[in-house]
Amino acid sequence: MKNKEKTFQLVLTALFLSVLILLTSVPFLGFIPLGPINATTLHIPVIIASIVLGPKIGGFLGGCFGLISMIRSTIIITPMSFVFSPFIAPLGTTDSGSWKALLVAFIPRILIGVVPYFVYLWSKKIFKNKGKAFGLFLAGLAGGLTNTILVMNFIYFLFKPEYSEVLGKAGDAVYAAIISVIFVQGIPEAIVAGLATAAVASVLLKFMARRDFSE
């Protein structure tokens, strides 16, 4: 890779990271309280970066998203902080935090930066250039669903007893609550991510295609 292209990618990476920090800093913009689990918009810049800059940088920014989520859950304590921060115990208990929170905070978020890239590559092969906008929408949709589906299922399989205490439910009702969050919160998040990705990534891809990185 030529020096100009490396520099340009570093600048874009810093820009995406700045957007993540900005979204986190503005109340009700990056994290939106909706029931036990906050809705989020932080996955959107990670998805776009995945498509524009590739899965390595996308995965790195996804990891940054996970780190931000962990730090925020450690500082701003909510009934669900224990699933994202290993330093926070479930409310009302004398237990210590669990390392399993790192899996919830990081693995789904890293994959947000990887999955959309490959979904977009697949869509280009299937739809060719005629379906570019639709391919970007699908990639954004896949990234959004990756976040919600993995986070909620990690919570269920790693923290089922603690999560059931927060909900005040037991048995099959706990996973029913998981499914409810995926459909009620996750699908709208994913659709918004798909639309934003189609709008922003298409512009950035055209811009990068026109740039001259020759020495």
N, C-alpha and C. Protein backbone atom coordinates (compact mmCIF):
# COMPACT_ATOMS: atom_id res chain seq x y z
N MET A 1 0.84 -1.20 0.00
CA MET A 1 0.00 0.00 0.00
C MET A 1 0.88 1.25 0.00
N LYS A 2 0.57 2.21 -0.84
CA LYS A 2 1.37 3.41 -0.94
C LYS A 2 1.15 4.30 0.28
N ASN A 3 2.15 5.18 0.52
CA ASN A 3 2.12 6.02 1.71
C ASN A 3 0.89 6.93 1.75
N LYS A 4 0.52 7.47 0.58
CA LYS A 4 -0.64 8.36 0.55
C LYS A 4 -1.91 7.63 0.97
N GLU A 5 -2.04 6.40 0.49
CA GLU A 5 -3.23 5.62 0.83
C GLU A 5 -3.24 5.27 2.31
N LYS A 6 -2.08 4.91 2.86
CA LYS A 6 -1.99 4.61 4.29
C LYS A 6 -2.38 5.82 5.12
N THR A 7 -1.86 6.97 4.73
CA THR A 7 -2.17 8.20 5.46
C THR A 7 -3.65 8.50 5.41
N PHE A 8 -4.25 8.34 4.23
CA PHE A 8 -5.67 8.62 4.07
C PHE A 8 -6.50 7.66 4.92
N GLN A 9 -6.12 6.40 4.98
CA GLN A 9 -6.85 5.44 5.81
C GLN A 9 -6.72 5.78 7.29
N LEU A 10 -5.53 6.23 7.70
CA LEU A 10 -5.35 6.63 9.09
C LEU A 10 -6.23 7.82 9.44
N VAL A 11 -6.32 8.77 8.50
CA VAL A 11 -7.17 9.94 8.73
C VAL A 11 -8.64 9.53 8.87
N LEU A 12 -9.09 8.65 7.97
CA LEU A 12 -10.48 8.17 8.05
C LEU A 12 -10.73 7.38 9.33
N THR A 13 -9.76 6.57 9.73
CA THR A 13 -9.91 5.80 10.97
C THR A 13 -10.05 6.74 12.16
N ALA A 14 -9.21 7.77 12.19
CA ALA A 14 -9.30 8.76 13.28
C ALA A 14 -10.64 9.48 13.25
N LEU A 15 -11.14 9.74 12.04
CA LEU A 15 -12.44 10.41 11.91
C LEU A 15 -13.56 9.53 12.45
N PHE A 16 -13.55 8.25 12.09
CA PHE A 16 -14.58 7.33 12.59
C PHE A 16 -14.49 7.19 14.11
N LEU A 17 -13.27 7.14 14.63
CA LEU A 17 -13.10 7.04 16.08
C LEU A 17 -13.62 8.30 16.78
N SER A 18 -13.40 9.45 16.15
CA SER A 18 -13.91 10.70 16.70
C SER A 18 -15.44 10.71 16.73
N VAL A 19 -16.05 10.14 15.69
CA VAL A 19 -17.51 10.05 15.66
C VAL A 19 -18.02 9.17 16.79
N LEU A 20 -17.33 8.06 17.05
CA LEU A 20 -17.70 7.18 18.16
C LEU A 20 -17.66 7.94 19.49
N ILE A 21 -16.59 8.68 19.70
CA ILE A 21 -16.44 9.44 20.95
C ILE A 21 -17.51 10.52 21.05
N LEU A 22 -17.80 11.19 19.93
CA LEU A 22 -18.83 12.22 19.92
C LEU A 22 -20.19 11.65 20.26
N LEU A 23 -20.54 10.53 19.63
CA LEU A 23 -21.83 9.90 19.90
C LEU A 23 -21.95 9.48 21.36
N THR A 24 -20.83 9.03 21.93
CA THR A 24 -20.83 8.63 23.34
C THR A 24 -21.00 9.83 24.26
N SER A 25 -20.42 10.95 23.86
CA SER A 25 -20.40 12.14 24.72
C SER A 25 -21.73 12.88 24.76
N VAL A 26 -22.51 12.77 23.69
CA VAL A 26 -23.79 13.50 23.63
C VAL A 26 -24.89 12.63 24.24
N PRO A 27 -25.54 13.11 25.30
CA PRO A 27 -26.59 12.31 25.95
C PRO A 27 -27.71 11.94 24.98
N PHE A 28 -28.17 10.69 25.10
CA PHE A 28 -29.29 10.17 24.31
C PHE A 28 -29.02 10.13 22.80
N LEU A 29 -27.75 10.19 22.41
CA LEU A 29 -27.40 10.10 21.00
C LEU A 29 -26.69 8.79 20.70
N GLY A 30 -25.65 8.49 21.45
CA GLY A 30 -24.94 7.23 21.25
C GLY A 30 -25.60 6.08 21.96
N PHE A 31 -26.07 6.34 23.18
CA PHE A 31 -26.77 5.33 23.97
C PHE A 31 -28.13 5.88 24.36
N ILE A 32 -29.18 5.19 23.96
CA ILE A 32 -30.55 5.67 24.18
C ILE A 32 -31.26 4.71 25.12
N PRO A 33 -31.60 5.15 26.33
CA PRO A 33 -32.25 4.24 27.29
C PRO A 33 -33.62 3.78 26.80
N LEU A 34 -33.75 2.46 26.64
CA LEU A 34 -35.04 1.85 26.26
C LEU A 34 -35.17 0.54 27.02
N GLY A 35 -35.72 0.58 28.20
CA GLY A 35 -35.84 -0.63 28.99
C GLY A 35 -34.50 -1.02 29.60
N PRO A 36 -34.30 -2.32 29.90
CA PRO A 36 -33.06 -2.75 30.55
C PRO A 36 -31.81 -2.52 29.70
N ILE A 37 -31.95 -2.65 28.37
CA ILE A 37 -30.81 -2.51 27.48
C ILE A 37 -30.93 -1.21 26.69
N ASN A 38 -29.82 -0.46 26.63
CA ASN A 38 -29.83 0.78 25.86
C ASN A 38 -29.80 0.49 24.36
N ALA A 39 -30.59 1.25 23.60
CA ALA A 39 -30.40 1.25 22.15
C ALA A 39 -29.13 2.04 21.86
N THR A 40 -28.53 1.83 20.71
CA THR A 40 -27.27 2.50 20.40
C THR A 40 -27.21 2.89 18.93
N THR A 41 -26.38 3.89 18.66
CA THR A 41 -26.08 4.26 17.28
C THR A 41 -24.58 4.09 16.98
N LEU A 42 -23.83 3.62 17.97
CA LEU A 42 -22.38 3.51 17.79
C LEU A 42 -21.98 2.45 16.77
N HIS A 43 -22.89 1.53 16.50
CA HIS A 43 -22.55 0.49 15.52
C HIS A 43 -22.51 1.04 14.09
N ILE A 44 -23.18 2.16 13.85
CA ILE A 44 -23.27 2.69 12.48
C ILE A 44 -21.90 3.10 11.92
N PRO A 45 -21.11 3.94 12.62
CA PRO A 45 -19.78 4.27 12.07
C PRO A 45 -18.88 3.06 11.95
N VAL A 46 -19.03 2.07 12.84
CA VAL A 46 -18.22 0.85 12.75
C VAL A 46 -18.57 0.08 11.48
N ILE A 47 -19.85 -0.03 11.17
CA ILE A 47 -20.30 -0.73 9.97
C ILE A 47 -19.77 -0.04 8.72
N ILE A 48 -19.91 1.27 8.67
CA ILE A 48 -19.45 2.03 7.50
C ILE A 48 -17.94 1.89 7.33
N ALA A 49 -17.21 1.96 8.44
CA ALA A 49 -15.76 1.80 8.37
C ALA A 49 -15.37 0.41 7.87
N SER A 50 -16.13 -0.60 8.28
CA SER A 50 -15.86 -1.96 7.82
C SER A 50 -15.92 -2.06 6.31
N ILE A 51 -16.93 -1.44 5.72
CA ILE A 51 -17.12 -1.51 4.27
C ILE A 51 -16.09 -0.66 3.53
N VAL A 52 -15.83 0.51 4.04
CA VAL A 52 -14.96 1.48 3.35
C VAL A 52 -13.48 1.17 3.56
N LEU A 53 -13.11 0.75 4.78
CA LEU A 53 -11.71 0.57 5.12
C LEU A 53 -11.29 -0.88 5.30
N GLY A 54 -12.25 -1.79 5.31
CA GLY A 54 -11.92 -3.20 5.43
C GLY A 54 -12.14 -3.76 6.83
N PRO A 55 -12.12 -5.09 6.96
CA PRO A 55 -12.46 -5.74 8.23
C PRO A 55 -11.44 -5.55 9.34
N LYS A 56 -10.18 -5.32 9.00
CA LYS A 56 -9.18 -5.12 10.06
C LYS A 56 -9.44 -3.82 10.81
N ILE A 57 -9.59 -2.74 10.06
CA ILE A 57 -9.88 -1.45 10.70
C ILE A 57 -11.29 -1.47 11.29
N GLY A 58 -12.23 -2.11 10.58
CA GLY A 58 -13.58 -2.23 11.12
C GLY A 58 -13.58 -2.97 12.44
N GLY A 59 -12.83 -4.07 12.51
CA GLY A 59 -12.73 -4.83 13.76
C GLY A 59 -12.08 -4.02 14.87
N PHE A 60 -11.05 -3.23 14.51
CA PHE A 60 -10.40 -2.36 15.49
C PHE A 60 -11.40 -1.35 16.06
N LEU A 61 -12.17 -0.71 15.18
CA LEU A 61 -13.16 0.27 15.64
C LEU A 61 -14.28 -0.40 16.43
N GLY A 62 -14.63 -1.64 16.03
CA GLY A 62 -15.59 -2.39 16.82
C GLY A 62 -15.06 -2.66 18.22
N GLY A 63 -13.77 -2.96 18.32
CA GLY A 63 -13.15 -3.14 19.63
C GLY A 63 -13.19 -1.85 20.44
N CYS A 64 -13.01 -0.71 19.77
CA CYS A 64 -13.12 0.58 20.45
C CYS A 64 -14.53 0.80 20.97
N PHE A 65 -15.52 0.40 20.18
CA PHE A 65 -16.92 0.46 20.61
C PHE A 65 -17.10 -0.38 21.87
N GLY A 66 -16.55 -1.58 21.87
CA GLY A 66 -16.64 -2.44 23.04
C GLY A 66 -15.98 -1.83 24.27
N LEU A 67 -14.81 -1.21 24.06
CA LEU A 67 -14.11 -0.55 25.17
C LEU A 67 -14.93 0.61 25.71
N ILE A 68 -15.50 1.40 24.81
CA ILE A 68 -16.35 2.52 25.24
C ILE A 68 -17.53 2.01 26.05
N SER A 69 -18.14 0.91 25.57
CA SER A 69 -19.28 0.33 26.26
C SER A 69 -18.89 -0.14 27.67
N MET A 70 -17.72 -0.77 27.78
CA MET A 70 -17.26 -1.26 29.07
C MET A 70 -16.99 -0.10 30.03
N ILE A 71 -16.30 0.92 29.54
CA ILE A 71 -15.98 2.07 30.39
C ILE A 71 -17.25 2.78 30.84
N ARG A 72 -18.17 2.96 29.91
CA ARG A 72 -19.43 3.65 30.25
C ARG A 72 -20.23 2.85 31.29
N SER A 73 -20.27 1.53 31.13
CA SER A 73 -21.01 0.70 32.08
C SER A 73 -20.35 0.69 33.45
N THR A 74 -19.05 0.93 33.49
CA THR A 74 -18.33 0.98 34.76
C THR A 74 -18.57 2.30 35.48
N ILE A 75 -18.68 3.37 34.70
CA ILE A 75 -18.85 4.71 35.29
C ILE A 75 -20.31 5.03 35.56
N ILE A 76 -21.17 4.74 34.58
CA ILE A 76 -22.61 5.01 34.71
C ILE A 76 -23.29 3.68 35.03
N ILE A 77 -23.53 3.44 36.30
CA ILE A 77 -24.03 2.13 36.74
C ILE A 77 -25.54 2.04 36.57
N THR A 78 -25.97 1.01 35.86
CA THR A 78 -27.38 0.71 35.64
C THR A 78 -27.62 -0.74 36.06
N PRO A 79 -28.87 -1.19 36.09
CA PRO A 79 -29.12 -2.60 36.45
C PRO A 79 -28.44 -3.60 35.53
N MET A 80 -28.07 -3.17 34.31
CA MET A 80 -27.44 -4.08 33.35
C MET A 80 -25.95 -3.83 33.17
N SER A 81 -25.35 -3.00 34.00
CA SER A 81 -23.92 -2.70 33.84
C SER A 81 -23.05 -3.95 33.98
N PHE A 82 -23.48 -4.90 34.79
CA PHE A 82 -22.66 -6.08 35.06
C PHE A 82 -22.43 -6.95 33.83
N VAL A 83 -23.28 -6.83 32.79
CA VAL A 83 -23.08 -7.67 31.61
C VAL A 83 -22.06 -7.07 30.64
N PHE A 84 -21.69 -5.81 30.84
CA PHE A 84 -20.72 -5.16 29.96
C PHE A 84 -19.42 -4.79 30.66
N SER A 85 -19.43 -4.77 31.99
CA SER A 85 -18.23 -4.39 32.74
C SER A 85 -17.84 -5.48 33.73
N PRO A 86 -16.60 -5.96 33.67
CA PRO A 86 -16.15 -6.97 34.62
C PRO A 86 -15.90 -6.40 36.02
N PHE A 87 -16.04 -5.09 36.15
CA PHE A 87 -15.79 -4.44 37.43
C PHE A 87 -17.06 -4.19 38.23
N ILE A 88 -18.21 -4.49 37.65
CA ILE A 88 -19.49 -4.21 38.29
C ILE A 88 -20.23 -5.52 38.57
N ALA A 89 -20.68 -5.67 39.80
CA ALA A 89 -21.46 -6.84 40.19
C ALA A 89 -22.94 -6.55 39.97
N PRO A 90 -23.76 -7.60 39.81
CA PRO A 90 -25.20 -7.39 39.71
C PRO A 90 -25.73 -6.62 40.92
N LEU A 91 -26.65 -5.70 40.70
CA LEU A 91 -27.19 -4.90 41.78
C LEU A 91 -27.88 -5.78 42.81
N GLY A 92 -27.67 -5.41 44.07
CA GLY A 92 -28.32 -6.16 45.15
C GLY A 92 -27.57 -7.41 45.57
N THR A 93 -26.36 -7.61 45.03
CA THR A 93 -25.57 -8.78 45.41
C THR A 93 -24.23 -8.33 45.98
N THR A 94 -23.57 -9.23 46.65
CA THR A 94 -22.23 -8.96 47.17
C THR A 94 -21.16 -9.62 46.30
N ASP A 95 -21.58 -10.14 45.15
CA ASP A 95 -20.64 -10.79 44.24
C ASP A 95 -19.71 -9.76 43.62
N SER A 96 -18.60 -10.25 43.07
CA SER A 96 -17.71 -9.39 42.29
C SER A 96 -18.13 -9.46 40.83
N GLY A 97 -17.59 -8.56 40.02
CA GLY A 97 -17.88 -8.59 38.61
C GLY A 97 -17.32 -9.84 37.95
N SER A 98 -17.76 -10.12 36.74
CA SER A 98 -17.33 -11.34 36.05
C SER A 98 -16.55 -11.01 34.77
N TRP A 99 -15.51 -11.80 34.52
CA TRP A 99 -14.73 -11.63 33.30
C TRP A 99 -15.58 -11.91 32.06
N LYS A 100 -16.68 -12.63 32.22
CA LYS A 100 -17.54 -12.95 31.08
C LYS A 100 -18.13 -11.69 30.45
N ALA A 101 -18.17 -10.61 31.21
CA ALA A 101 -18.67 -9.35 30.67
C ALA A 101 -17.81 -8.87 29.52
N LEU A 102 -16.53 -9.22 29.53
CA LEU A 102 -15.64 -8.83 28.44
C LEU A 102 -16.08 -9.47 27.13
N LEU A 103 -16.57 -10.71 27.20
CA LEU A 103 -17.05 -11.39 26.00
C LEU A 103 -18.26 -10.67 25.42
N VAL A 104 -19.16 -10.25 26.29
CA VAL A 104 -20.37 -9.54 25.84
C VAL A 104 -20.01 -8.18 25.26
N ALA A 105 -19.07 -7.50 25.90
CA ALA A 105 -18.73 -6.14 25.49
C ALA A 105 -17.93 -6.10 24.19
N PHE A 106 -17.07 -7.11 23.98
CA PHE A 106 -16.12 -7.00 22.87
C PHE A 106 -16.43 -7.87 21.66
N ILE A 107 -16.76 -9.15 21.85
CA ILE A 107 -16.89 -10.03 20.69
C ILE A 107 -17.95 -9.58 19.70
N PRO A 108 -19.19 -9.29 20.14
CA PRO A 108 -20.19 -8.82 19.16
C PRO A 108 -19.77 -7.53 18.48
N ARG A 109 -19.15 -6.62 19.22
CA ARG A 109 -18.79 -5.31 18.67
C ARG A 109 -17.64 -5.43 17.66
N ILE A 110 -16.69 -6.32 17.93
CA ILE A 110 -15.62 -6.55 16.95
C ILE A 110 -16.20 -7.12 15.66
N LEU A 111 -17.15 -8.04 15.81
CA LEU A 111 -17.75 -8.67 14.62
C LEU A 111 -18.61 -7.68 13.83
N ILE A 112 -19.10 -6.62 14.47
CA ILE A 112 -19.81 -5.57 13.73
C ILE A 112 -18.90 -4.98 12.66
N GLY A 113 -17.61 -4.93 12.97
CA GLY A 113 -16.65 -4.37 12.03
C GLY A 113 -16.13 -5.35 11.01
N VAL A 114 -16.58 -6.59 11.08
CA VAL A 114 -16.10 -7.63 10.16
C VAL A 114 -17.22 -8.13 9.25
N VAL A 115 -18.36 -8.46 9.82
CA VAL A 115 -19.47 -9.05 9.07
C VAL A 115 -19.94 -8.18 7.91
N PRO A 116 -20.17 -6.87 8.09
CA PRO A 116 -20.68 -6.06 6.97
C PRO A 116 -19.77 -6.07 5.74
N TYR A 117 -18.46 -6.11 5.95
CA TYR A 117 -17.52 -6.12 4.83
C TYR A 117 -17.77 -7.33 3.93
N PHE A 118 -17.92 -8.49 4.54
CA PHE A 118 -18.09 -9.71 3.75
C PHE A 118 -19.50 -9.82 3.17
N VAL A 119 -20.48 -9.29 3.87
CA VAL A 119 -21.83 -9.24 3.31
C VAL A 119 -21.85 -8.34 2.09
N TYR A 120 -21.13 -7.23 2.14
CA TYR A 120 -21.08 -6.32 1.00
C TYR A 120 -20.35 -6.97 -0.18
N LEU A 121 -19.24 -7.69 0.09
CA LEU A 121 -18.54 -8.40 -0.98
C LEU A 121 -19.46 -9.44 -1.63
N TRP A 122 -20.19 -10.17 -0.80
CA TRP A 122 -21.12 -11.18 -1.32
C TRP A 122 -22.20 -10.53 -2.18
N SER A 123 -22.73 -9.41 -1.71
CA SER A 123 -23.80 -8.72 -2.45
C SER A 123 -23.31 -8.20 -3.78
N LYS A 124 -22.04 -7.77 -3.85
CA LYS A 124 -21.49 -7.28 -5.12
C LYS A 124 -21.40 -8.40 -6.14
N LYS A 125 -21.09 -9.60 -5.67
CA LYS A 125 -21.02 -10.75 -6.59
C LYS A 125 -22.41 -11.14 -7.08
N ILE A 126 -23.39 -11.04 -6.20
CA ILE A 126 -24.75 -11.46 -6.55
C ILE A 126 -25.47 -10.42 -7.40
N PHE A 127 -25.40 -9.14 -6.97
CA PHE A 127 -26.18 -8.09 -7.62
C PHE A 127 -25.39 -7.25 -8.62
N LYS A 128 -24.06 -7.46 -8.65
CA LYS A 128 -23.18 -6.66 -9.51
C LYS A 128 -23.33 -5.18 -9.15
N ASN A 129 -23.03 -4.29 -10.07
CA ASN A 129 -23.11 -2.85 -9.79
C ASN A 129 -24.54 -2.34 -9.74
N LYS A 130 -25.48 -3.11 -10.30
CA LYS A 130 -26.86 -2.64 -10.34
C LYS A 130 -27.49 -2.58 -8.95
N GLY A 131 -27.02 -3.43 -8.05
CA GLY A 131 -27.60 -3.47 -6.71
C GLY A 131 -26.67 -2.95 -5.64
N LYS A 132 -25.81 -2.00 -5.98
CA LYS A 132 -24.82 -1.50 -5.03
C LYS A 132 -25.48 -0.90 -3.80
N ALA A 133 -26.48 -0.04 -3.99
CA ALA A 133 -27.16 0.60 -2.86
C ALA A 133 -27.84 -0.44 -1.98
N PHE A 134 -28.48 -1.43 -2.63
CA PHE A 134 -29.15 -2.47 -1.87
C PHE A 134 -28.13 -3.33 -1.11
N GLY A 135 -26.97 -3.57 -1.75
CA GLY A 135 -25.91 -4.33 -1.09
C GLY A 135 -25.40 -3.62 0.15
N LEU A 136 -25.26 -2.30 0.06
CA LEU A 136 -24.83 -1.52 1.22
C LEU A 136 -25.88 -1.56 2.32
N PHE A 137 -27.15 -1.49 1.92
CA PHE A 137 -28.23 -1.59 2.90
C PHE A 137 -28.19 -2.94 3.60
N LEU A 138 -28.00 -4.02 2.83
CA LEU A 138 -27.92 -5.35 3.43
C LEU A 138 -26.74 -5.46 4.39
N ALA A 139 -25.61 -4.88 4.02
CA ALA A 139 -24.42 -4.93 4.88
C ALA A 139 -24.68 -4.19 6.19
N GLY A 140 -25.32 -3.02 6.09
CA GLY A 140 -25.66 -2.27 7.29
C GLY A 140 -26.66 -3.02 8.16
N LEU A 141 -27.64 -3.63 7.51
CA LEU A 141 -28.64 -4.42 8.22
C LEU A 141 -27.98 -5.58 8.96
N ALA A 142 -27.06 -6.27 8.26
CA ALA A 142 -26.36 -7.41 8.86
C ALA A 142 -25.52 -6.97 10.05
N GLY A 143 -24.87 -5.82 9.94
CA GLY A 143 -24.07 -5.32 11.04
C GLY A 143 -24.91 -5.01 12.27
N GLY A 144 -26.06 -4.37 12.04
CA GLY A 144 -26.94 -4.04 13.14
C GLY A 144 -27.48 -5.29 13.82
N LEU A 145 -27.89 -6.27 13.03
CA LEU A 145 -28.42 -7.51 13.60
C LEU A 145 -27.33 -8.31 14.31
N THR A 146 -26.10 -8.25 13.78
CA THR A 146 -24.98 -8.93 14.45
C THR A 146 -24.82 -8.42 15.86
N ASN A 147 -24.90 -7.10 16.03
CA ASN A 147 -24.76 -6.49 17.34
C ASN A 147 -25.84 -6.98 18.30
N THR A 148 -27.10 -6.79 17.94
CA THR A 148 -28.19 -7.10 18.86
C THR A 148 -28.32 -8.59 19.14
N ILE A 149 -28.29 -9.40 18.08
CA ILE A 149 -28.49 -10.84 18.26
C ILE A 149 -27.38 -11.44 19.12
N LEU A 150 -26.13 -11.08 18.84
CA LEU A 150 -25.03 -11.65 19.61
C LEU A 150 -25.01 -11.14 21.05
N VAL A 151 -25.20 -9.84 21.24
CA VAL A 151 -25.19 -9.29 22.60
C VAL A 151 -26.27 -9.94 23.45
N MET A 152 -27.49 -10.00 22.93
CA MET A 152 -28.60 -10.55 23.71
C MET A 152 -28.42 -12.04 23.98
N ASN A 153 -27.91 -12.79 23.02
CA ASN A 153 -27.71 -14.22 23.25
C ASN A 153 -26.53 -14.48 24.18
N PHE A 154 -25.50 -13.66 24.10
CA PHE A 154 -24.38 -13.78 25.05
C PHE A 154 -24.89 -13.52 26.47
N ILE A 155 -25.74 -12.50 26.62
CA ILE A 155 -26.31 -12.20 27.93
C ILE A 155 -27.10 -13.40 28.45
N TYR A 156 -27.88 -13.98 27.57
CA TYR A 156 -28.73 -15.11 27.98
C TYR A 156 -27.87 -16.31 28.41
N PHE A 157 -26.90 -16.67 27.62
CA PHE A 157 -26.13 -17.89 27.91
C PHE A 157 -25.06 -17.68 28.99
N LEU A 158 -24.59 -16.45 29.15
CA LEU A 158 -23.54 -16.20 30.15
C LEU A 158 -24.07 -15.64 31.47
N PHE A 159 -25.22 -14.95 31.39
CA PHE A 159 -25.74 -14.28 32.59
C PHE A 159 -27.24 -14.54 32.79
N LYS A 160 -27.70 -15.72 32.45
CA LYS A 160 -29.14 -15.99 32.53
C LYS A 160 -29.71 -15.77 33.93
N PRO A 161 -29.11 -16.33 34.99
CA PRO A 161 -29.69 -16.12 36.34
C PRO A 161 -29.75 -14.64 36.74
N GLU A 162 -28.65 -13.93 36.46
CA GLU A 162 -28.61 -12.52 36.85
C GLU A 162 -29.58 -11.68 36.02
N TYR A 163 -29.68 -12.00 34.73
CA TYR A 163 -30.60 -11.27 33.85
C TYR A 163 -32.05 -11.53 34.23
N SER A 164 -32.35 -12.76 34.63
CA SER A 164 -33.71 -13.09 35.05
C SER A 164 -34.09 -12.32 36.31
N GLU A 165 -33.09 -12.08 37.19
CA GLU A 165 -33.35 -11.29 38.40
C GLU A 165 -33.70 -9.85 38.04
N VAL A 166 -32.98 -9.29 37.07
CA VAL A 166 -33.25 -7.92 36.63
C VAL A 166 -34.66 -7.82 36.04
N LEU A 167 -35.04 -8.81 35.24
CA LEU A 167 -36.35 -8.81 34.59
C LEU A 167 -37.48 -9.20 35.53
N GLY A 168 -37.13 -9.96 36.58
CA GLY A 168 -38.16 -10.49 37.45
C GLY A 168 -38.91 -11.63 36.79
N LYS A 169 -38.22 -12.35 35.89
CA LYS A 169 -38.85 -13.46 35.18
C LYS A 169 -37.99 -14.71 35.33
N ALA A 170 -38.56 -15.84 34.95
CA ALA A 170 -37.82 -17.09 35.05
C ALA A 170 -38.20 -18.02 33.91
N GLY A 171 -37.38 -19.08 33.72
CA GLY A 171 -37.70 -20.09 32.73
C GLY A 171 -37.72 -19.56 31.31
N ASP A 172 -38.70 -20.03 30.54
CA ASP A 172 -38.81 -19.66 29.13
C ASP A 172 -39.09 -18.17 28.94
N ALA A 173 -39.63 -17.53 29.98
CA ALA A 173 -39.96 -16.11 29.87
C ALA A 173 -38.72 -15.26 29.67
N VAL A 174 -37.56 -15.76 30.14
CA VAL A 174 -36.32 -15.00 29.99
C VAL A 174 -35.92 -14.92 28.52
N TYR A 175 -35.95 -16.08 27.84
CA TYR A 175 -35.57 -16.02 26.42
C TYR A 175 -36.63 -15.33 25.58
N ALA A 176 -37.87 -15.39 26.02
CA ALA A 176 -38.93 -14.64 25.35
C ALA A 176 -38.63 -13.15 25.42
N ALA A 177 -38.08 -12.71 26.55
CA ALA A 177 -37.69 -11.30 26.70
C ALA A 177 -36.52 -10.97 25.77
N ILE A 178 -35.60 -11.92 25.59
CA ILE A 178 -34.47 -11.74 24.67
C ILE A 178 -34.99 -11.55 23.25
N ILE A 179 -35.89 -12.42 22.83
CA ILE A 179 -36.47 -12.34 21.49
C ILE A 179 -37.21 -11.02 21.31
N SER A 180 -37.89 -10.58 22.35
CA SER A 180 -38.63 -9.32 22.29
C SER A 180 -37.69 -8.14 22.04
N VAL A 181 -36.55 -8.13 22.73
CA VAL A 181 -35.57 -7.05 22.54
C VAL A 181 -35.03 -7.08 21.11
N ILE A 182 -34.75 -8.29 20.60
CA ILE A 182 -34.21 -8.41 19.24
C ILE A 182 -35.19 -7.85 18.22
N PHE A 183 -36.47 -8.18 18.37
CA PHE A 183 -37.46 -7.73 17.40
C PHE A 183 -37.85 -6.27 17.59
N VAL A 184 -38.10 -5.88 18.83
CA VAL A 184 -38.62 -4.52 19.10
C VAL A 184 -37.52 -3.48 18.99
N GLN A 185 -36.32 -3.81 19.43
CA GLN A 185 -35.23 -2.83 19.44
C GLN A 185 -34.21 -3.11 18.34
N GLY A 186 -33.84 -4.38 18.19
CA GLY A 186 -32.76 -4.73 17.27
C GLY A 186 -33.09 -4.52 15.82
N ILE A 187 -34.29 -4.90 15.38
CA ILE A 187 -34.65 -4.75 13.97
C ILE A 187 -34.74 -3.28 13.55
N PRO A 188 -35.41 -2.41 14.33
CA PRO A 188 -35.38 -0.99 13.95
C PRO A 188 -33.96 -0.41 13.92
N GLU A 189 -33.11 -0.80 14.90
CA GLU A 189 -31.71 -0.36 14.89
C GLU A 189 -31.01 -0.79 13.61
N ALA A 190 -31.25 -2.04 13.22
CA ALA A 190 -30.60 -2.58 12.03
C ALA A 190 -31.07 -1.89 10.76
N ILE A 191 -32.37 -1.57 10.68
CA ILE A 191 -32.90 -0.88 9.51
C ILE A 191 -32.30 0.52 9.40
N VAL A 192 -32.22 1.22 10.53
CA VAL A 192 -31.59 2.54 10.54
C VAL A 192 -30.14 2.44 10.10
N ALA A 193 -29.44 1.42 10.61
CA ALA A 193 -28.03 1.21 10.22
C ALA A 193 -27.92 0.94 8.73
N GLY A 194 -28.84 0.15 8.18
CA GLY A 194 -28.82 -0.14 6.75
C GLY A 194 -29.02 1.11 5.92
N LEU A 195 -29.97 1.93 6.30
CA LEU A 195 -30.24 3.17 5.55
C LEU A 195 -29.06 4.13 5.64
N ALA A 196 -28.50 4.28 6.85
CA ALA A 196 -27.35 5.18 7.03
C ALA A 196 -26.14 4.69 6.27
N THR A 197 -25.94 3.38 6.27
CA THR A 197 -24.80 2.80 5.54
C THR A 197 -24.94 3.01 4.04
N ALA A 198 -26.14 2.78 3.52
CA ALA A 198 -26.37 2.98 2.09
C ALA A 198 -26.12 4.42 1.68
N ALA A 199 -26.50 5.36 2.55
CA ALA A 199 -26.35 6.78 2.22
C ALA A 199 -24.90 7.25 2.34
N VAL A 200 -24.24 6.90 3.44
CA VAL A 200 -22.89 7.44 3.72
C VAL A 200 -21.80 6.64 3.02
N ALA A 201 -21.87 5.31 3.09
CA ALA A 201 -20.81 4.49 2.51
C ALA A 201 -20.73 4.65 1.00
N SER A 202 -21.87 4.84 0.33
CA SER A 202 -21.84 5.01 -1.12
C SER A 202 -21.05 6.26 -1.51
N VAL A 203 -21.21 7.32 -0.73
CA VAL A 203 -20.49 8.57 -0.99
C VAL A 203 -18.99 8.38 -0.74
N LEU A 204 -18.65 7.75 0.38
CA LEU A 204 -17.25 7.54 0.72
C LEU A 204 -16.55 6.61 -0.27
N LEU A 205 -17.25 5.58 -0.73
CA LEU A 205 -16.65 4.66 -1.70
C LEU A 205 -16.37 5.37 -3.03
N LYS A 206 -17.30 6.22 -3.47
CA LYS A 206 -17.08 6.99 -4.69
C LYS A 206 -15.91 7.95 -4.53
N PHE A 207 -15.83 8.57 -3.37
CA PHE A 207 -14.76 9.52 -3.10
C PHE A 207 -13.40 8.82 -3.12
N MET A 208 -13.33 7.65 -2.49
CA MET A 208 -12.07 6.92 -2.45
C MET A 208 -11.69 6.40 -3.84
N ALA A 209 -12.67 6.02 -4.63
CA ALA A 209 -12.40 5.50 -5.97
C ALA A 209 -11.80 6.60 -6.87
N ARG A 210 -12.15 7.83 -6.62
CA ARG A 210 -11.68 8.94 -7.45
C ARG A 210 -10.34 9.50 -7.01
N ARG A 211 -9.89 9.12 -5.81
CA ARG A 211 -8.63 9.67 -5.31
C ARG A 211 -7.45 9.04 -6.03
N ASP A 212 -6.41 9.83 -6.19
CA ASP A 212 -5.18 9.36 -6.82
C ASP A 212 -4.15 9.11 -5.74
N PHE A 213 -3.83 7.83 -5.47
CA PHE A 213 -2.87 7.49 -4.43
C PHE A 213 -1.47 7.23 -5.00
N SER A 214 -1.29 7.58 -6.25
CA SER A 214 0.03 7.32 -6.86
C SER A 214 1.06 8.26 -6.26
N GLU A 215 2.28 7.77 -6.19
CA GLU A 215 3.40 8.57 -5.63
C GLU A 215 3.73 9.74 -6.55
